[in-house]
């Protein structure tokens, strides 16, 4: 459980088409894509910051 198959994806897309209509779907898709991109960028930055913090901490402990 937790994985979305092709059938479930088609059902979700059809429901979205019925609810929002064909004119709004491109806008919603663009906004969703932008949000996912921003989330990934911030998650990557947090991960890099954490690695830098751990590296600095390890360098201090070596002294």
PDB file of N, CA and C in Angstrom:
ATOM      1  N   UNK A   1       0.838  -1.180   0.000  1.00  0.00           N
ATOM      2  CA  UNK A   1       0.000   0.000   0.000  1.00  0.00           C
ATOM      3  C   UNK A   1       0.882   1.242   0.000  1.00  0.00           C
ATOM      4  N   UNK A   2       0.357   2.339  -0.532  1.00  0.00           N
ATOM      5  CA  UNK A   2       1.135   3.556  -0.576  1.00  0.00           C
ATOM      6  C   UNK A   2       1.633   3.895  -1.959  1.00  0.00           C
ATOM      7  N   UNK A   3       1.666   2.917  -2.859  1.00  0.00           N
ATOM      8  CA  UNK A   3       2.096   3.170  -4.223  1.00  0.00           C
ATOM      9  C   UNK A   3       0.874   3.426  -5.094  1.00  0.00           C
ATOM     10  N   UNK A   4       1.003   4.398  -5.983  1.00  0.00           N
ATOM     11  CA  UNK A   4      -0.091   4.732  -6.886  1.00  0.00           C
ATOM     12  C   UNK A   4       0.167   4.062  -8.220  1.00  0.00           C
ATOM     13  N   UNK A   5      -0.759   3.227  -8.648  1.00  0.00           N
ATOM     14  CA  UNK A   5      -0.643   2.548  -9.926  1.00  0.00           C
ATOM     15  C   UNK A   5      -1.254   3.381 -11.034  1.00  0.00           C
ATOM     16  N   UNK A   6      -1.208   2.860 -12.235  1.00  0.00           N
ATOM     17  CA  UNK A   6      -1.722   3.573 -13.400  1.00  0.00           C
ATOM     18  C   UNK A   6      -3.231   3.799 -13.292  1.00  0.00           C
ATOM     19  N   UNK A   7      -3.952   2.800 -12.824  1.00  0.00           N
ATOM     20  CA  UNK A   7      -5.409   2.931 -12.709  1.00  0.00           C
ATOM     21  C   UNK A   7      -5.789   4.036 -11.730  1.00  0.00           C
ATOM     22  N   UNK A   8      -5.144   4.059 -10.585  1.00  0.00           N
ATOM     23  CA  UNK A   8      -5.445   5.084  -9.589  1.00  0.00           C
ATOM     24  C   UNK A   8      -5.105   6.474 -10.109  1.00  0.00           C
ATOM     25  N   UNK A   9      -3.996   6.580 -10.829  1.00  0.00           N
ATOM     26  CA  UNK A   9      -3.588   7.862 -11.382  1.00  0.00           C
ATOM     27  C   UNK A   9      -4.606   8.372 -12.397  1.00  0.00           C
ATOM     28  N   UNK A  10      -5.095   7.496 -13.252  1.00  0.00           N
ATOM     29  CA  UNK A  10      -6.115   7.875 -14.237  1.00  0.00           C
ATOM     30  C   UNK A  10      -7.390   8.327 -13.531  1.00  0.00           C
ATOM     31  N   UNK A  11      -7.788   7.622 -12.499  1.00  0.00           N
ATOM     32  CA  UNK A  11      -8.997   7.994 -11.752  1.00  0.00           C
ATOM     33  C   UNK A  11      -8.835   9.374 -11.124  1.00  0.00           C
ATOM     34  N   UNK A  12      -7.705   9.644 -10.528  1.00  0.00           N
ATOM     35  CA  UNK A  12      -7.453  10.944  -9.908  1.00  0.00           C
ATOM     36  C   UNK A  12      -7.478  12.046 -10.961  1.00  0.00           C
ATOM     37  N   UNK A  13      -6.865  11.806 -12.112  1.00  0.00           N
ATOM     38  CA  UNK A  13      -6.843  12.812 -13.175  1.00  0.00           C
ATOM     39  C   UNK A  13      -8.240  13.083 -13.726  1.00  0.00           C
ATOM     40  N   UNK A  14      -9.047  12.044 -13.876  1.00  0.00           N
ATOM     41  CA  UNK A  14     -10.416  12.223 -14.361  1.00  0.00           C
ATOM     42  C   UNK A  14     -11.240  13.020 -13.353  1.00  0.00           C
ATOM     43  N   UNK A  15     -11.098  12.717 -12.087  1.00  0.00           N
ATOM     44  CA  UNK A  15     -11.824  13.458 -11.051  1.00  0.00           C
ATOM     45  C   UNK A  15     -11.380  14.924 -11.044  1.00  0.00           C
ATOM     46  N   UNK A  16     -10.072  15.165 -11.175  1.00  0.00           N
ATOM     47  CA  UNK A  16      -9.576  16.545 -11.227  1.00  0.00           C
ATOM     48  C   UNK A  16     -10.128  17.274 -12.443  1.00  0.00           C
ATOM     49  N   UNK A  17     -10.219  16.589 -13.564  1.00  0.00           N
ATOM     50  CA  UNK A  17     -10.767  17.194 -14.777  1.00  0.00           C
ATOM     51  C   UNK A  17     -12.229  17.568 -14.587  1.00  0.00           C
ATOM     52  N   UNK A  18     -12.986  16.704 -13.944  1.00  0.00           N
ATOM     53  CA  UNK A  18     -14.407  16.973 -13.701  1.00  0.00           C
ATOM     54  C   UNK A  18     -14.579  18.139 -12.725  1.00  0.00           C
ATOM     55  N   UNK A  19     -13.789  18.165 -11.671  1.00  0.00           N
ATOM     56  CA  UNK A  19     -13.932  19.197 -10.642  1.00  0.00           C
ATOM     57  C   UNK A  19     -13.462  20.567 -11.147  1.00  0.00           C
ATOM     58  N   UNK A  20     -12.278  20.630 -11.737  1.00  0.00           N
ATOM     59  CA  UNK A  20     -11.689  21.913 -12.088  1.00  0.00           C
ATOM     60  C   UNK A  20     -11.932  22.331 -13.537  1.00  0.00           C
ATOM     61  N   UNK A  21     -12.198  21.406 -14.404  1.00  0.00           N
ATOM     62  CA  UNK A  21     -12.415  21.733 -15.810  1.00  0.00           C
ATOM     63  C   UNK A  21     -11.102  21.826 -16.572  1.00  0.00           C
ATOM     64  N   UNK A  22     -11.200  21.740 -17.884  1.00  0.00           N
ATOM     65  CA  UNK A  22      -9.975  21.707 -18.698  1.00  0.00           C
ATOM     66  C   UNK A  22      -9.202  23.024 -18.708  1.00  0.00           C
ATOM     67  N   UNK A  23      -9.847  24.136 -18.431  1.00  0.00           N
ATOM     68  CA  UNK A  23      -9.145  25.418 -18.484  1.00  0.00           C
ATOM     69  C   UNK A  23      -8.253  25.648 -17.264  1.00  0.00           C
ATOM     70  N   UNK A  24      -8.592  25.075 -16.119  1.00  0.00           N
ATOM     71  CA  UNK A  24      -7.833  25.301 -14.886  1.00  0.00           C
ATOM     72  C   UNK A  24      -6.716  24.278 -14.669  1.00  0.00           C
ATOM     73  N   UNK A  25      -6.795  23.124 -15.308  1.00  0.00           N
ATOM     74  CA  UNK A  25      -5.802  22.075 -15.060  1.00  0.00           C
ATOM     75  C   UNK A  25      -4.367  22.512 -15.377  1.00  0.00           C
ATOM     76  N   UNK A  26      -4.102  23.205 -16.494  1.00  0.00           N
ATOM     77  CA  UNK A  26      -2.715  23.640 -16.726  1.00  0.00           C
ATOM     78  C   UNK A  26      -2.198  24.578 -15.635  1.00  0.00           C
ATOM     79  N   UNK A  27      -3.048  25.464 -15.144  1.00  0.00           N
ATOM     80  CA  UNK A  27      -2.644  26.371 -14.073  1.00  0.00           C
ATOM     81  C   UNK A  27      -2.338  25.607 -12.793  1.00  0.00           C
ATOM     82  N   UNK A  28      -3.191  24.649 -12.483  1.00  0.00           N
ATOM     83  CA  UNK A  28      -2.993  23.843 -11.274  1.00  0.00           C
ATOM     84  C   UNK A  28      -1.716  23.010 -11.390  1.00  0.00           C
ATOM     85  N   UNK A  29      -1.503  22.422 -12.561  1.00  0.00           N
ATOM     86  CA  UNK A  29      -0.290  21.631 -12.784  1.00  0.00           C
ATOM     87  C   UNK A  29       0.967  22.472 -12.666  1.00  0.00           C
ATOM     88  N   UNK A  30       0.921  23.675 -13.224  1.00  0.00           N
ATOM     89  CA  UNK A  30       2.079  24.571 -13.143  1.00  0.00           C
ATOM     90  C   UNK A  30       2.368  24.956 -11.697  1.00  0.00           C
ATOM     91  N   UNK A  31       1.323  25.284 -10.955  1.00  0.00           N
ATOM     92  CA  UNK A  31       1.497  25.664  -9.552  1.00  0.00           C
ATOM     93  C   UNK A  31       2.017  24.489  -8.726  1.00  0.00           C
ATOM     94  N   UNK A  32       1.487  23.320  -8.995  1.00  0.00           N
ATOM     95  CA  UNK A  32       1.933  22.126  -8.269  1.00  0.00           C
ATOM     96  C   UNK A  32       3.394  21.820  -8.582  1.00  0.00           C
ATOM     97  N   UNK A  33       3.757  21.907  -9.850  1.00  0.00           N
ATOM     98  CA  UNK A  33       5.153  21.675 -10.240  1.00  0.00           C
ATOM     99  C   UNK A  33       6.099  22.674  -9.613  1.00  0.00           C
ATOM    100  N   UNK A  34       5.679  23.932  -9.575  1.00  0.00           N
ATOM    101  CA  UNK A  34       6.508  24.973  -8.953  1.00  0.00           C
ATOM    102  C   UNK A  34       6.667  24.712  -7.456  1.00  0.00           C
ATOM    103  N   UNK A  35       5.584  24.311  -6.822  1.00  0.00           N
ATOM    104  CA  UNK A  35       5.646  24.010  -5.386  1.00  0.00           C
ATOM    105  C   UNK A  35       6.556  22.837  -5.077  1.00  0.00           C
ATOM    106  N   UNK A  36       6.475  21.796  -5.901  1.00  0.00           N
ATOM    107  CA  UNK A  36       7.349  20.634  -5.699  1.00  0.00           C
ATOM    108  C   UNK A  36       8.803  21.020  -5.919  1.00  0.00           C
ATOM    109  N   UNK A  37       9.054  21.838  -6.946  1.00  0.00           N
ATOM    110  CA  UNK A  37      10.424  22.300  -7.213  1.00  0.00           C
ATOM    111  C   UNK A  37      10.995  23.105  -6.059  1.00  0.00           C
ATOM    112  N   UNK A  38      10.186  24.000  -5.503  1.00  0.00           N
ATOM    113  CA  UNK A  38      10.630  24.790  -4.363  1.00  0.00           C
ATOM    114  C   UNK A  38      10.887  23.910  -3.144  1.00  0.00           C
ATOM    115  N   UNK A  39      10.018  22.935  -2.936  1.00  0.00           N
ATOM    116  CA  UNK A  39      10.201  22.016  -1.805  1.00  0.00           C
ATOM    117  C   UNK A  39      11.517  21.258  -1.941  1.00  0.00           C
ATOM    118  N   UNK A  40      11.791  20.751  -3.145  1.00  0.00           N
ATOM    119  CA  UNK A  40      13.039  20.015  -3.368  1.00  0.00           C
ATOM    120  C   UNK A  40      14.256  20.905  -3.150  1.00  0.00           C
ATOM    121  N   UNK A  41      14.182  22.139  -3.638  1.00  0.00           N
ATOM    122  CA  UNK A  41      15.308  23.063  -3.481  1.00  0.00           C
ATOM    123  C   UNK A  41      15.573  23.357  -2.007  1.00  0.00           C
ATOM    124  N   UNK A  42      14.521  23.605  -1.245  1.00  0.00           N
ATOM    125  CA  UNK A  42      14.699  23.886   0.185  1.00  0.00           C
ATOM    126  C   UNK A  42      15.166  22.653   0.945  1.00  0.00           C
ATOM    127  N   UNK A  43      14.654  21.492   0.579  1.00  0.00           N
ATOM    128  CA  UNK A  43      15.092  20.257   1.234  1.00  0.00           C
ATOM    129  C   UNK A  43      16.578  20.006   0.965  1.00  0.00           C
ATOM    130  N   UNK A  44      17.004  20.281  -0.258  1.00  0.00           N
ATOM    131  CA  UNK A  44      18.413  20.099  -0.609  1.00  0.00           C
ATOM    132  C   UNK A  44      19.283  21.074   0.174  1.00  0.00           C
ATOM    133  N   UNK A  45      18.816  22.327   0.296  1.00  0.00           N
ATOM    134  CA  UNK A  45      19.576  23.330   1.043  1.00  0.00           C
ATOM    135  C   UNK A  45      19.696  22.944   2.509  1.00  0.00           C
ATOM    136  N   UNK A  46      18.618  22.461   3.082  1.00  0.00           N
ATOM    137  CA  UNK A  46      18.655  22.043   4.487  1.00  0.00           C
ATOM    138  C   UNK A  46      19.625  20.878   4.667  1.00  0.00           C
ATOM    139  N   UNK A  47      19.595  19.933   3.739  1.00  0.00           N
ATOM    140  CA  UNK A  47      20.502  18.787   3.811  1.00  0.00           C
ATOM    141  C   UNK A  47      21.953  19.247   3.712  1.00  0.00           C
ATOM    142  N   UNK A  48      22.235  20.166   2.787  1.00  0.00           N
ATOM    143  CA  UNK A  48      23.601  20.671   2.636  1.00  0.00           C
ATOM    144  C   UNK A  48      24.035  21.443   3.874  1.00  0.00           C
ATOM    145  N   UNK A  49      23.132  22.254   4.433  1.00  0.00           N
ATOM    146  CA  UNK A  49      23.456  22.999   5.649  1.00  0.00           C
ATOM    147  C   UNK A  49      23.759  22.045   6.804  1.00  0.00           C
ATOM    148  N   UNK A  50      22.983  20.978   6.897  1.00  0.00           N
ATOM    149  CA  UNK A  50      23.204  19.995   7.962  1.00  0.00           C
ATOM    150  C   UNK A  50      24.557  19.305   7.797  1.00  0.00           C
ATOM    151  N   UNK A  51      24.902  18.976   6.560  1.00  0.00           N
ATOM    152  CA  UNK A  51      26.211  18.345   6.305  1.00  0.00           C
ATOM    153  C   UNK A  51      27.343  19.300   6.662  1.00  0.00           C
ATOM    154  N   UNK A  52      27.187  20.586   6.292  1.00  0.00           N
ATOM    155  CA  UNK A  52      28.213  21.575   6.619  1.00  0.00           C
ATOM    156  C   UNK A  52      28.356  21.724   8.124  1.00  0.00           C
ATOM    157  N   UNK A  53      27.235  21.751   8.835  1.00  0.00           N
ATOM    158  CA  UNK A  53      27.265  21.879  10.290  1.00  0.00           C
ATOM    159  C   UNK A  53      27.959  20.676  10.916  1.00  0.00           C
ATOM    160  N   UNK A  54      27.632  19.486  10.431  1.00  0.00           N
ATOM    161  CA  UNK A  54      28.259  18.276  10.968  1.00  0.00           C
ATOM    162  C   UNK A  54      29.749  18.249  10.665  1.00  0.00           C
ATOM    163  N   UNK A  55      30.131  18.712   9.484  1.00  0.00           N
ATOM    164  CA  UNK A  55      31.540  18.728   9.120  1.00  0.00           C
ATOM    165  C   UNK A  55      32.314  19.704   9.995  1.00  0.00           C
ATOM    166  N   UNK A  56      31.740  20.891  10.236  1.00  0.00           N
ATOM    167  CA  UNK A  56      32.395  21.873  11.090  1.00  0.00           C
ATOM    168  C   UNK A  56      32.509  21.343  12.510  1.00  0.00           C
ATOM    169  N   UNK A  57      31.477  20.657  12.964  1.00  0.00           N
ATOM    170  CA  UNK A  57      31.491  20.090  14.306  1.00  0.00           C
ATOM    171  C   UNK A  57      32.567  19.025  14.423  1.00  0.00           C
ATOM    172  N   UNK A  58      32.708  18.200  13.388  1.00  0.00           N
ATOM    173  CA  UNK A  58      33.740  17.152  13.398  1.00  0.00           C
ATOM    174  C   UNK A  58      35.127  17.767  13.357  1.00  0.00           C
ATOM    175  N   UNK A  59      35.289  18.858  12.613  1.00  0.00           N
ATOM    176  CA  UNK A  59      36.587  19.536  12.562  1.00  0.00           C
ATOM    177  C   UNK A  59      36.975  20.123  13.906  1.00  0.00           C
ATOM    178  N   UNK A  60      35.994  20.660  14.641  1.00  0.00           N
ATOM    179  CA  UNK A  60      36.265  21.211  15.967  1.00  0.00           C
ATOM    180  C   UNK A  60      36.684  20.113  16.931  1.00  0.00           C
ATOM    181  N   UNK A  61      36.027  18.956  16.834  1.00  0.00           N
ATOM    182  CA  UNK A  61      36.328  17.853  17.736  1.00  0.00           C
ATOM    183  C   UNK A  61      37.706  17.263  17.463  1.00  0.00           C
ATOM    184  N   UNK A  62      38.205  17.405  16.238  1.00  0.00           N
ATOM    185  CA  UNK A  62      39.535  16.876  15.914  1.00  0.00           C
ATOM    186  C   UNK A  62      40.639  17.709  16.532  1.00  0.00           C
ATOM    187  N   UNK A  63      40.366  18.995  16.830  1.00  0.00           N
ATOM    188  CA  UNK A  63      41.392  19.886  17.380  1.00  0.00           C
ATOM    189  C   UNK A  63      41.679  19.605  18.796  1.00  0.00           C
TER     190      UNK A  63
END
